[in-house]
Structure formats: C-alpha cells, structure tokens
Amino acid sequence: MIATAKKTNEIINKYNLKIKKGFGQNFIIEPGIVEKIARLSNCEGIAVIEIGPGIGALTQQLAILSKKVVSYEIDKSLIPVLKDTLSDYENVQIINEDFLNVNLKEISDKLINKYGNVVVCANLPYYVTTPILFKIFESNTRIDTITVMVQKEVADRFNASVSSSDYNALSVITQYLYDVKILMKVNKNVFNPKPKVDSAVIQFVKKDFIEEIDRYKFFEFVKACFKQRRKTLNNNLKEYINDSDIIENIYLKTNVDKNIRAQQLSLDKFIEMYKVYEELL
C-alpha cells in the first residue's frame, strides 16, 4: 500500500524527491481515503483517466478496480518513481505530458471503444484545478463521471446554490452540464506535505438532458455576466454586448431586472437570456 506515511517517506527518501510546490504536490498518506475515492469513482471493470498521480497512491487503487488506468504526470522526475511503485500493475499506463495539451476526445473515445466506458478520477493539483476541469467540460467527450479531490473552497463553488456567496460563473457552467455532489471532506492532515487548507472529493455526473445551445458561446456569455461581481448585471453586459437595444430586449423578453447582480440568476434564467441574445443577433 503506497498511501501510508511510512511508505511515502520511504519513496521520498529512496528517490531523494524534492516536493515541487509549483506542481501542487501533496501526497495522500491515509489508505482509507484513496480506497474510498477509487471505489466512489465508478471505475470498476472499465477504463479511468487520472491527472497528477504523484507517487501512485490513488493510481494503485484505481488499478486494482479498473481494467485500464491512463495517468498523466507533468513532472518527469516522478516517472521512474511511478514505474517502480506501480510495477505490479500491467494495466497502468503512465504518460509524461501536460494534461492540458492532451486531445481528450480522441483518448477517451479510444478507451471507450476498447473498454466499454471511461471515467476521470484524480487528486488534482490545486494550482491548476479549474483549467483541468474546464478542459474536460469543454472537450465534448462521452465521459459521464468525473470524481476529483480539490480544495474544499473550490468544491463549494462548483456546488454553490444561486444567491450564495460561492455562486459564480463556474457554478453555472458546471451545473449546466453536470449534476454536482460533494462526496466527502478530507482533512489537510492526511497529506505529506500538509497543505494549508482542507480538501473535498467532488463528483460530476453528466446530465441526461443538456439544453441544446452553443455551449462555448454560452460559457462566454455567463463569464461576461459575472466579470465583476460587484457590478450590476447591466454594467457587465454593456461591456460584453455593444448594443443597448439588444440588452434592453433581453431584459424585456426574460423579465430580468437589469439592476440585479449575476449571482441572483438561476441556471435556467441564464439559458433563457442567452437564447434571447442569440435570437437578437
């Protein structure tokens, strides 16, 4: 079992590893945590894509449950470590590449065709959590379940309700595509090195029905509405839409008060506004 304090220290000392804060490296040292994350990921009997395996603690558990693990590690110094710690698992493929540069649709399609289905499961590097998740969201893949560990405050934003302090563009965009659920909270003391904040495991399950709109343009529209949180919706939209008649028509046709702030609007209302905006162009 890799995910113990003793084994983790042995690996760090054996390879004289220098923990790289720039890569957000925090290794899990509680075996029950990685076992539970792997089990909750729904990877059993199919393929799984992992991002940022570290020294292989979660990877090991994913390998036990799944048919295939494809794991992307950006830090080349960890590749020989992973090949050692995971040498008993022939179903693990370690790729030394920045996940943000990967053709995710192509990779996931190949895995689905060969193994029947694929999920994403990872203890995400905190410094790049949002870019990684947005890459997955925007890749238009057939991946229907994403289970990741992130900073607790980030998990709260993904799962936030309308009008709450955490509700933002990220919340709206995520909830357009997925049903979101926080599965468990993880204390900062189960990591080496110990991060400054607690974490949470959050799961995204693709919705059965997703409104048919241009998702990329819709995402840009939502981001524009939230551009400056302290500004009114009207002030933010004026910077995005250079046509006051269109803006006024959006309010009129959707019955939205232009003086409210974006965080007071539900997902359904954002979709309604965007559809009107597209019709008026």
C-alpha atoms as a PDB file:
ATOM      1  CA  MET A   1       0.000   0.000   0.000  1.00  0.00           C
ATOM      2  CA  ILE A   2       1.562   3.274  -1.162  1.00  0.00           C
ATOM      3  CA  ALA A   3      -0.764   5.616   0.745  1.00  0.00           C
ATOM      4  CA  THR A   4       0.810   5.351   4.206  1.00  0.00           C
ATOM      5  CA  ALA A   5       3.088   7.817   5.975  1.00  0.00           C
ATOM      6  CA  LYS A   6       5.843   5.193   6.265  1.00  0.00           C
ATOM      7  CA  LYS A   7       5.761   4.102   2.617  1.00  0.00           C
ATOM      8  CA  THR A   8       5.516   7.674   1.341  1.00  0.00           C
ATOM      9  CA  ASN A   9       8.587   8.707   3.345  1.00  0.00           C
ATOM     10  CA  GLU A  10      10.455   5.631   2.095  1.00  0.00           C
ATOM     11  CA  ILE A  11       9.719   6.597  -1.514  1.00  0.00           C
ATOM     12  CA  ILE A  12      10.655  10.247  -0.956  1.00  0.00           C
ATOM     13  CA  ASN A  13      13.969   9.222   0.638  1.00  0.00           C
ATOM     14  CA  LYS A  14      14.744   6.470  -1.880  1.00  0.00           C
ATOM     15  CA  TYR A  15      14.440   8.839  -4.823  1.00  0.00           C
ATOM     16  CA  ASN A  16      15.565  11.950  -2.953  1.00  0.00           C
ATOM     17  CA  LEU A  17      12.378  13.632  -4.129  1.00  0.00           C
ATOM     18  CA  LYS A  18      12.106  17.388  -3.925  1.00  0.00           C
ATOM     19  CA  ILE A  19       8.474  18.333  -3.390  1.00  0.00           C
ATOM     20  CA  LYS A  20       7.571  20.872  -6.056  1.00  0.00           C
ATOM     21  CA  LYS A  21       5.015  23.365  -4.791  1.00  0.00           C
ATOM     22  CA  GLY A  22       4.736  24.735  -8.325  1.00  0.00           C
ATOM     23  CA  PHE A  23       3.177  21.430  -9.349  1.00  0.00           C
ATOM     24  CA  GLY A  24       0.883  21.319  -6.318  1.00  0.00           C
ATOM     25  CA  GLN A  25       2.381  18.090  -4.994  1.00  0.00           C
ATOM     26  CA  ASN A  26       0.680  16.792  -1.843  1.00  0.00           C
ATOM     27  CA  PHE A  27       0.774  13.014  -1.363  1.00  0.00           C
ATOM     28  CA  ILE A  28      -2.088  11.198   0.408  1.00  0.00           C
ATOM     29  CA  ILE A  29      -0.883   9.162   3.416  1.00  0.00           C
ATOM     30  CA  GLU A  30      -4.180   7.649   4.576  1.00  0.00           C
ATOM     31  CA  PRO A  31      -5.034   4.366   2.783  1.00  0.00           C
ATOM     32  CA  GLY A  32      -8.736   4.525   3.593  1.00  0.00           C
ATOM     33  CA  ILE A  33      -9.049   7.807   1.688  1.00  0.00           C
ATOM     34  CA  VAL A  34      -7.633   6.544  -1.621  1.00  0.00           C
ATOM     35  CA  GLU A  35      -9.587   3.295  -1.343  1.00  0.00           C
ATOM     36  CA  LYS A  36     -12.828   5.221  -0.884  1.00  0.00           C
ATOM     37  CA  ILE A  37     -12.134   7.694  -3.714  1.00  0.00           C
ATOM     38  CA  ALA A  38     -11.363   4.851  -6.130  1.00  0.00           C
ATOM     39  CA  ARG A  39     -14.496   2.980  -5.093  1.00  0.00           C
ATOM     40  CA  LEU A  40     -16.711   6.063  -5.466  1.00  0.00           C
ATOM     41  CA  SER A  41     -15.305   6.840  -8.918  1.00  0.00           C
ATOM     42  CA  ASN A  42     -17.326   4.020 -10.508  1.00  0.00           C
ATOM     43  CA  CYS A  43     -14.229   2.805 -12.380  1.00  0.00           C
ATOM     44  CA  GLU A  44     -14.752  -0.897 -11.701  1.00  0.00           C
ATOM     45  CA  GLY A  45     -14.353  -3.020 -14.819  1.00  0.00           C
ATOM     46  CA  ILE A  46     -13.811  -0.069 -17.187  1.00  0.00           C
ATOM     47  CA  ALA A  47     -11.070   2.470 -18.010  1.00  0.00           C
ATOM     48  CA  VAL A  48     -10.069   5.507 -15.972  1.00  0.00           C
ATOM     49  CA  ILE A  49      -8.115   8.657 -16.787  1.00  0.00           C
ATOM     50  CA  GLU A  50      -6.068  10.118 -13.928  1.00  0.00           C
ATOM     51  CA  ILE A  51      -4.329  13.501 -13.780  1.00  0.00           C
ATOM     52  CA  GLY A  52      -1.382  14.098 -11.453  1.00  0.00           C
ATOM     53  CA  PRO A  53      -0.696  10.650  -9.948  1.00  0.00           C
ATOM     54  CA  GLY A  54       2.176  11.868  -7.748  1.00  0.00           C
ATOM     55  CA  ILE A  55       3.855   8.717  -6.426  1.00  0.00           C
ATOM     56  CA  GLY A  56       0.906   6.493  -7.324  1.00  0.00           C
ATOM     57  CA  ALA A  57      -1.197   6.251  -4.145  1.00  0.00           C
ATOM     58  CA  LEU A  58      -4.583   6.704  -5.825  1.00  0.00           C
ATOM     59  CA  THR A  59      -3.357   5.112  -9.065  1.00  0.00           C
ATOM     60  CA  GLN A  60      -2.710   1.864  -7.213  1.00  0.00           C
ATOM     61  CA  GLN A  61      -6.313   1.627  -6.024  1.00  0.00           C
ATOM     62  CA  LEU A  62      -7.686   2.569  -9.446  1.00  0.00           C
ATOM     63  CA  ALA A  63      -5.544  -0.175 -10.999  1.00  0.00           C
ATOM     64  CA  ILE A  64      -6.981  -2.755  -8.598  1.00  0.00           C
ATOM     65  CA  LEU A  65     -10.575  -1.908  -9.565  1.00  0.00           C
ATOM     66  CA  SER A  66     -10.382  -0.947 -13.237  1.00  0.00           C
ATOM     67  CA  LYS A  67      -9.358  -2.640 -16.469  1.00  0.00           C
ATOM     68  CA  LYS A  68      -7.104   0.222 -17.576  1.00  0.00           C
ATOM     69  CA  VAL A  69      -5.584   3.341 -15.990  1.00  0.00           C
ATOM     70  CA  VAL A  70      -4.145   6.083 -18.197  1.00  0.00           C
ATOM     71  CA  SER A  71      -2.359   8.542 -15.927  1.00  0.00           C
ATOM     72  CA  TYR A  72      -0.869  11.900 -16.950  1.00  0.00           C
ATOM     73  CA  GLU A  73       2.068  13.243 -14.922  1.00  0.00           C
ATOM     74  CA  ILE A  74       3.710  16.541 -15.906  1.00  0.00           C
ATOM     75  CA  ASP A  75       6.756  16.130 -13.606  1.00  0.00           C
ATOM     76  CA  LYS A  76       9.298  13.971 -15.453  1.00  0.00           C
ATOM     77  CA  SER A  77      11.226  13.300 -12.219  1.00  0.00           C
ATOM     78  CA  LEU A  78       8.239  11.262 -10.974  1.00  0.00           C
ATOM     79  CA  ILE A  79       8.086   8.943 -13.997  1.00  0.00           C
ATOM     80  CA  PRO A  80      10.770   6.480 -12.751  1.00  0.00           C
ATOM     81  CA  VAL A  81       9.152   6.589  -9.309  1.00  0.00           C
ATOM     82  CA  LEU A  82       5.757   5.659 -10.736  1.00  0.00           C
ATOM     83  CA  LYS A  83       7.223   2.899 -12.889  1.00  0.00           C
ATOM     84  CA  ASP A  84       8.698   1.442  -9.698  1.00  0.00           C
ATOM     85  CA  THR A  85       5.762   1.891  -7.303  1.00  0.00           C
ATOM     86  CA  LEU A  86       3.253   0.612  -9.870  1.00  0.00           C
ATOM     87  CA  SER A  87       5.403  -2.117 -11.430  1.00  0.00           C
ATOM     88  CA  ASP A  88       2.988  -4.840 -10.289  1.00  0.00           C
ATOM     89  CA  TYR A  89       0.114  -3.363 -12.293  1.00  0.00           C
ATOM     90  CA  GLU A  90       0.253  -4.124 -16.006  1.00  0.00           C
ATOM     91  CA  ASN A  91      -2.976  -2.221 -16.654  1.00  0.00           C
ATOM     92  CA  VAL A  92      -1.392   1.151 -15.767  1.00  0.00           C
ATOM     93  CA  GLN A  93      -0.052   3.474 -18.466  1.00  0.00           C
ATOM     94  CA  ILE A  94       1.946   6.477 -17.234  1.00  0.00           C
ATOM     95  CA  ILE A  95       2.286   9.353 -19.703  1.00  0.00           C
ATOM     96  CA  ASN A  96       4.727  12.220 -19.075  1.00  0.00           C
ATOM     97  CA  GLU A  97       2.658  15.024 -20.550  1.00  0.00           C
ATOM     98  CA  ASP A  98       0.767  18.140 -19.531  1.00  0.00           C
ATOM     99  CA  PHE A  99      -2.874  17.058 -19.452  1.00  0.00           C
ATOM    100  CA  LEU A 100      -3.908  20.481 -20.759  1.00  0.00           C
ATOM    101  CA  ASN A 101      -2.222  19.621 -24.078  1.00  0.00           C
ATOM    102  CA  VAL A 102      -3.903  16.231 -24.489  1.00  0.00           C
ATOM    103  CA  ASN A 103      -6.550  15.518 -27.148  1.00  0.00           C
ATOM    104  CA  LEU A 104      -9.039  14.288 -24.579  1.00  0.00           C
ATOM    105  CA  LYS A 105     -11.819  13.414 -27.011  1.00  0.00           C
ATOM    106  CA  GLU A 106      -9.515  11.206 -29.063  1.00  0.00           C
ATOM    107  CA  ILE A 107      -8.058   9.451 -25.999  1.00  0.00           C
ATOM    108  CA  SER A 108     -11.414   8.927 -24.289  1.00  0.00           C
ATOM    109  CA  ASP A 109     -13.055   7.620 -27.469  1.00  0.00           C
ATOM    110  CA  LYS A 110     -10.296   5.021 -27.878  1.00  0.00           C
ATOM    111  CA  LEU A 111     -10.702   3.895 -24.267  1.00  0.00           C
ATOM    112  CA  ILE A 112     -14.491   3.678 -24.549  1.00  0.00           C
ATOM    113  CA  ASN A 113     -14.245   1.668 -27.753  1.00  0.00           C
ATOM    114  CA  LYS A 114     -11.819  -0.787 -26.126  1.00  0.00           C
ATOM    115  CA  TYR A 115     -13.066  -0.981 -22.524  1.00  0.00           C
ATOM    116  CA  GLY A 116     -16.737  -0.044 -22.800  1.00  0.00           C
ATOM    117  CA  ASN A 117     -16.603   3.154 -20.752  1.00  0.00           C
ATOM    118  CA  VAL A 118     -14.189   5.607 -19.147  1.00  0.00           C
ATOM    119  CA  VAL A 119     -14.303   7.882 -16.100  1.00  0.00           C
ATOM    120  CA  VAL A 120     -11.962  10.547 -14.742  1.00  0.00           C
ATOM    121  CA  CYS A 121     -10.612  10.209 -11.205  1.00  0.00           C
ATOM    122  CA  ALA A 122      -7.819  12.307  -9.714  1.00  0.00           C
ATOM    123  CA  ASN A 123      -6.339  14.096  -6.753  1.00  0.00           C
ATOM    124  CA  LEU A 124      -5.995  17.284  -8.771  1.00  0.00           C
ATOM    125  CA  PRO A 125      -3.031  19.640  -8.396  1.00  0.00           C
ATOM    126  CA  TYR A 126      -4.641  22.629  -6.689  1.00  0.00           C
ATOM    127  CA  TYR A 127      -2.839  25.258  -8.748  1.00  0.00           C
ATOM    128  CA  VAL A 128      -4.447  24.051 -11.979  1.00  0.00           C
ATOM    129  CA  THR A 129      -7.795  22.606 -10.824  1.00  0.00           C
ATOM    130  CA  THR A 130     -10.057  24.962 -12.771  1.00  0.00           C
ATOM    131  CA  PRO A 131      -8.159  24.807 -16.111  1.00  0.00           C
ATOM    132  CA  ILE A 132      -8.133  20.996 -15.952  1.00  0.00           C
ATOM    133  CA  LEU A 133     -11.844  20.735 -15.226  1.00  0.00           C
ATOM    134  CA  PHE A 134     -12.745  23.310 -17.871  1.00  0.00           C
ATOM    135  CA  LYS A 135     -10.709  21.342 -20.388  1.00  0.00           C
ATOM    136  CA  ILE A 136     -12.779  18.259 -19.576  1.00  0.00           C
ATOM    137  CA  PHE A 137     -16.050  20.228 -19.626  1.00  0.00           C
ATOM    138  CA  GLU A 138     -15.291  21.863 -22.984  1.00  0.00           C
ATOM    139  CA  SER A 139     -13.890  18.788 -24.758  1.00  0.00           C
ATOM    140  CA  ASN A 140     -17.366  17.450 -25.585  1.00  0.00           C
ATOM    141  CA  THR A 141     -16.396  13.877 -24.732  1.00  0.00           C
ATOM    142  CA  ARG A 142     -18.512  10.858 -23.783  1.00  0.00           C
ATOM    143  CA  ILE A 143     -17.028  10.881 -20.267  1.00  0.00           C
ATOM    144  CA  ASP A 144     -20.051  10.882 -17.967  1.00  0.00           C
ATOM    145  CA  THR A 145     -18.467  10.746 -14.488  1.00  0.00           C
ATOM    146  CA  ILE A 146     -15.648  12.858 -13.045  1.00  0.00           C
ATOM    147  CA  THR A 147     -14.524  12.299  -9.445  1.00  0.00           C
ATOM    148  CA  VAL A 148     -11.789  14.601  -8.161  1.00  0.00           C
ATOM    149  CA  MET A 149     -10.247  15.865  -4.954  1.00  0.00           C
ATOM    150  CA  VAL A 150      -9.910  19.652  -4.839  1.00  0.00           C
ATOM    151  CA  GLN A 151      -9.587  22.407  -2.251  1.00  0.00           C
ATOM    152  CA  LYS A 152     -12.766  22.490  -0.183  1.00  0.00           C
ATOM    153  CA  GLU A 153     -13.476  26.125  -1.054  1.00  0.00           C
ATOM    154  CA  VAL A 154     -13.267  25.272  -4.772  1.00  0.00           C
ATOM    155  CA  ALA A 155     -15.641  22.334  -4.297  1.00  0.00           C
ATOM    156  CA  ASP A 156     -18.075  24.706  -2.588  1.00  0.00           C
ATOM    157  CA  ARG A 157     -18.045  26.992  -5.645  1.00  0.00           C
ATOM    158  CA  PHE A 158     -18.790  24.155  -8.048  1.00  0.00           C
ATOM    159  CA  ASN A 159     -21.679  23.036  -5.852  1.00  0.00           C
ATOM    160  CA  ALA A 160     -22.971  26.510  -4.927  1.00  0.00           C
ATOM    161  CA  SER A 161     -26.639  27.498  -4.988  1.00  0.00           C
ATOM    162  CA  VAL A 162     -27.987  30.653  -6.603  1.00  0.00           C
ATOM    163  CA  SER A 163     -27.566  33.814  -4.473  1.00  0.00           C
ATOM    164  CA  SER A 164     -24.984  32.186  -2.189  1.00  0.00           C
ATOM    165  CA  SER A 165     -21.595  33.841  -1.688  1.00  0.00           C
ATOM    166  CA  ASP A 166     -19.845  30.987  -3.545  1.00  0.00           C
ATOM    167  CA  TYR A 167     -22.132  31.090  -6.607  1.00  0.00           C
ATOM    168  CA  ASN A 168     -20.264  32.278  -9.688  1.00  0.00           C
ATOM    169  CA  ALA A 169     -19.707  31.583 -13.401  1.00  0.00           C
ATOM    170  CA  LEU A 170     -18.004  28.312 -12.514  1.00  0.00           C
ATOM    171  CA  SER A 171     -21.131  27.164 -10.663  1.00  0.00           C
ATOM    172  CA  VAL A 172     -23.445  27.992 -13.564  1.00  0.00           C
ATOM    173  CA  ILE A 173     -21.271  26.433 -16.273  1.00  0.00           C
ATOM    174  CA  THR A 174     -20.680  23.271 -14.264  1.00  0.00           C
ATOM    175  CA  GLN A 175     -24.323  22.813 -13.333  1.00  0.00           C
ATOM    176  CA  TYR A 176     -25.366  23.307 -16.973  1.00  0.00           C
ATOM    177  CA  LEU A 177     -23.504  20.101 -17.855  1.00  0.00           C
ATOM    178  CA  TYR A 178     -23.450  18.045 -14.659  1.00  0.00           C
ATOM    179  CA  ASP A 179     -25.230  17.076 -11.501  1.00  0.00           C
ATOM    180  CA  VAL A 180     -22.704  18.007  -8.818  1.00  0.00           C
ATOM    181  CA  LYS A 181     -22.248  16.399  -5.419  1.00  0.00           C
ATOM    182  CA  ILE A 182     -19.622  16.722  -2.676  1.00  0.00           C
ATOM    183  CA  LEU A 183     -18.915  13.116  -1.649  1.00  0.00           C
ATOM    184  CA  MET A 184     -16.577  13.640   1.292  1.00  0.00           C
ATOM    185  CA  LYS A 185     -14.416  16.173   3.071  1.00  0.00           C
ATOM    186  CA  VAL A 186     -10.727  15.425   3.563  1.00  0.00           C
ATOM    187  CA  ASN A 187      -8.656  16.869   6.405  1.00  0.00           C
ATOM    188  CA  LYS A 188      -5.369  18.534   5.460  1.00  0.00           C
ATOM    189  CA  ASN A 189      -3.550  16.274   7.951  1.00  0.00           C
ATOM    190  CA  VAL A 190      -3.780  13.231   5.639  1.00  0.00           C
ATOM    191  CA  PHE A 191      -1.264  14.712   3.191  1.00  0.00           C
ATOM    192  CA  ASN A 192       2.520  14.921   3.001  1.00  0.00           C
ATOM    193  CA  PRO A 193       3.422  17.735   2.799  1.00  0.00           C
ATOM    194  CA  LYS A 194       0.400  19.134   4.623  1.00  0.00           C
ATOM    195  CA  PRO A 195      -1.430  21.812   2.599  1.00  0.00           C
ATOM    196  CA  LYS A 196      -2.776  24.964   4.223  1.00  0.00           C
ATOM    197  CA  VAL A 197      -6.440  24.103   3.657  1.00  0.00           C
ATOM    198  CA  ASP A 198      -8.783  21.117   3.814  1.00  0.00           C
ATOM    199  CA  SER A 199      -9.931  19.316   0.685  1.00  0.00           C
ATOM    200  CA  ALA A 200     -13.114  17.737  -0.623  1.00  0.00           C
ATOM    201  CA  VAL A 201     -13.932  14.995  -3.095  1.00  0.00           C
ATOM    202  CA  ILE A 202     -16.483  16.210  -5.611  1.00  0.00           C
ATOM    203  CA  GLN A 203     -18.264  14.233  -8.296  1.00  0.00           C
ATOM    204  CA  PHE A 204     -19.709  15.468 -11.574  1.00  0.00           C
ATOM    205  CA  VAL A 205     -22.232  13.213 -13.343  1.00  0.00           C
ATOM    206  CA  LYS A 206     -23.277  14.300 -16.826  1.00  0.00           C
ATOM    207  CA  LYS A 207     -26.946  15.224 -17.041  1.00  0.00           C
ATOM    208  CA  ASP A 208     -29.301  13.033 -19.063  1.00  0.00           C
ATOM    209  CA  PHE A 209     -30.648  16.144 -20.776  1.00  0.00           C
ATOM    210  CA  ILE A 210     -28.497  19.147 -21.640  1.00  0.00           C
ATOM    211  CA  GLU A 211     -30.126  22.156 -23.302  1.00  0.00           C
ATOM    212  CA  GLU A 212     -29.061  22.325 -26.957  1.00  0.00           C
ATOM    213  CA  ILE A 213     -27.223  25.620 -27.283  1.00  0.00           C
ATOM    214  CA  ASP A 214     -23.735  26.601 -28.390  1.00  0.00           C
ATOM    215  CA  ARG A 215     -22.027  25.735 -25.113  1.00  0.00           C
ATOM    216  CA  TYR A 216     -18.836  27.675 -25.838  1.00  0.00           C
ATOM    217  CA  LYS A 217     -20.686  30.910 -26.598  1.00  0.00           C
ATOM    218  CA  PHE A 218     -22.977  30.285 -23.635  1.00  0.00           C
ATOM    219  CA  PHE A 219     -19.964  29.889 -21.338  1.00  0.00           C
ATOM    220  CA  GLU A 220     -18.554  33.202 -22.592  1.00  0.00           C
ATOM    221  CA  PHE A 221     -21.913  34.880 -22.006  1.00  0.00           C
ATOM    222  CA  VAL A 222     -22.067  33.602 -18.423  1.00  0.00           C
ATOM    223  CA  LYS A 223     -18.469  34.636 -17.719  1.00  0.00           C
ATOM    224  CA  ALA A 224     -19.255  38.126 -19.027  1.00  0.00           C
ATOM    225  CA  CYS A 225     -22.258  38.431 -16.701  1.00  0.00           C
ATOM    226  CA  PHE A 226     -20.021  37.624 -13.710  1.00  0.00           C
ATOM    227  CA  LYS A 227     -16.981  39.565 -14.919  1.00  0.00           C
ATOM    228  CA  GLN A 228     -17.052  41.981 -11.977  1.00  0.00           C
ATOM    229  CA  ARG A 229     -19.099  40.612  -9.102  1.00  0.00           C
ATOM    230  CA  ARG A 230     -19.765  43.987  -7.503  1.00  0.00           C
ATOM    231  CA  LYS A 231     -21.155  45.440 -10.703  1.00  0.00           C
ATOM    232  CA  THR A 232     -24.779  45.060 -11.726  1.00  0.00           C
ATOM    233  CA  LEU A 233     -25.732  42.657 -14.471  1.00  0.00           C
ATOM    234  CA  ASN A 234     -26.400  45.623 -16.739  1.00  0.00           C
ATOM    235  CA  ASN A 235     -22.943  47.128 -16.268  1.00  0.00           C
ATOM    236  CA  ASN A 236     -21.262  43.804 -17.000  1.00  0.00           C
ATOM    237  CA  LEU A 237     -23.390  43.116 -20.073  1.00  0.00           C
ATOM    238  CA  LYS A 238     -22.692  46.577 -21.507  1.00  0.00           C
ATOM    239  CA  GLU A 239     -19.026  45.627 -21.663  1.00  0.00           C
ATOM    240  CA  TYR A 240     -19.856  42.398 -23.498  1.00  0.00           C
ATOM    241  CA  ILE A 241     -22.677  43.479 -25.826  1.00  0.00           C
ATOM    242  CA  ASN A 242     -22.047  46.699 -27.684  1.00  0.00           C
ATOM    243  CA  ASP A 243     -25.711  47.310 -28.467  1.00  0.00           C
ATOM    244  CA  SER A 244     -28.041  48.856 -25.893  1.00  0.00           C
ATOM    245  CA  ASP A 245     -31.178  47.843 -27.829  1.00  0.00           C
ATOM    246  CA  ILE A 246     -30.223  44.172 -27.685  1.00  0.00           C
ATOM    247  CA  ILE A 247     -29.510  44.422 -23.963  1.00  0.00           C
ATOM    248  CA  GLU A 248     -32.851  46.096 -23.234  1.00  0.00           C
ATOM    249  CA  ASN A 249     -34.673  43.474 -25.299  1.00  0.00           C
ATOM    250  CA  ILE A 250     -33.009  40.693 -23.317  1.00  0.00           C
ATOM    251  CA  TYR A 251     -34.361  42.175 -20.080  1.00  0.00           C
ATOM    252  CA  LEU A 252     -37.790  42.762 -21.585  1.00  0.00           C
ATOM    253  CA  LYS A 253     -38.228  39.258 -23.025  1.00  0.00           C
ATOM    254  CA  THR A 254     -36.863  37.418 -19.977  1.00  0.00           C
ATOM    255  CA  ASN A 255     -38.384  39.656 -17.303  1.00  0.00           C
ATOM    256  CA  VAL A 256     -34.985  40.213 -15.667  1.00  0.00           C
ATOM    257  CA  ASP A 257     -34.247  43.309 -13.591  1.00  0.00           C
ATOM    258  CA  LYS A 258     -31.129  44.908 -15.091  1.00  0.00           C
ATOM    259  CA  ASN A 259     -30.052  46.248 -11.699  1.00  0.00           C
ATOM    260  CA  ILE A 260     -29.584  42.869 -10.035  1.00  0.00           C
ATOM    261  CA  ARG A 261     -26.242  41.065  -9.877  1.00  0.00           C
ATOM    262  CA  ALA A 262     -25.436  37.915 -11.829  1.00  0.00           C
ATOM    263  CA  GLN A 263     -25.299  35.736  -8.708  1.00  0.00           C
ATOM    264  CA  GLN A 264     -29.058  36.273  -8.283  1.00  0.00           C
ATOM    265  CA  LEU A 265     -29.840  34.472 -11.562  1.00  0.00           C
ATOM    266  CA  SER A 266     -30.543  30.750 -11.800  1.00  0.00           C
ATOM    267  CA  LEU A 267     -29.080  28.462 -14.445  1.00  0.00           C
ATOM    268  CA  ASP A 268     -32.451  28.328 -16.232  1.00  0.00           C
ATOM    269  CA  LYS A 269     -32.603  32.108 -16.361  1.00  0.00           C
ATOM    270  CA  PHE A 270     -29.079  32.333 -17.798  1.00  0.00           C
ATOM    271  CA  ILE A 271     -30.079  29.861 -20.520  1.00  0.00           C
ATOM    272  CA  GLU A 272     -33.242  31.846 -21.252  1.00  0.00           C
ATOM    273  CA  MET A 273     -31.273  35.103 -21.505  1.00  0.00           C
ATOM    274  CA  TYR A 274     -28.649  33.535 -23.743  1.00  0.00           C
ATOM    275  CA  LYS A 275     -31.284  32.135 -26.125  1.00  0.00           C
ATOM    276  CA  VAL A 276     -32.878  35.561 -26.462  1.00  0.00           C
ATOM    277  CA  TYR A 277     -29.460  37.121 -27.039  1.00  0.00           C
ATOM    278  CA  GLU A 278     -28.749  34.628 -29.861  1.00  0.00           C
ATOM    279  CA  GLU A 279     -32.141  35.348 -31.461  1.00  0.00           C
ATOM    280  CA  LEU A 280     -31.471  39.083 -31.424  1.00  0.00           C
ATOM    281  CA  LEU A 281     -28.059  38.921 -33.071  1.00  0.00           C
END
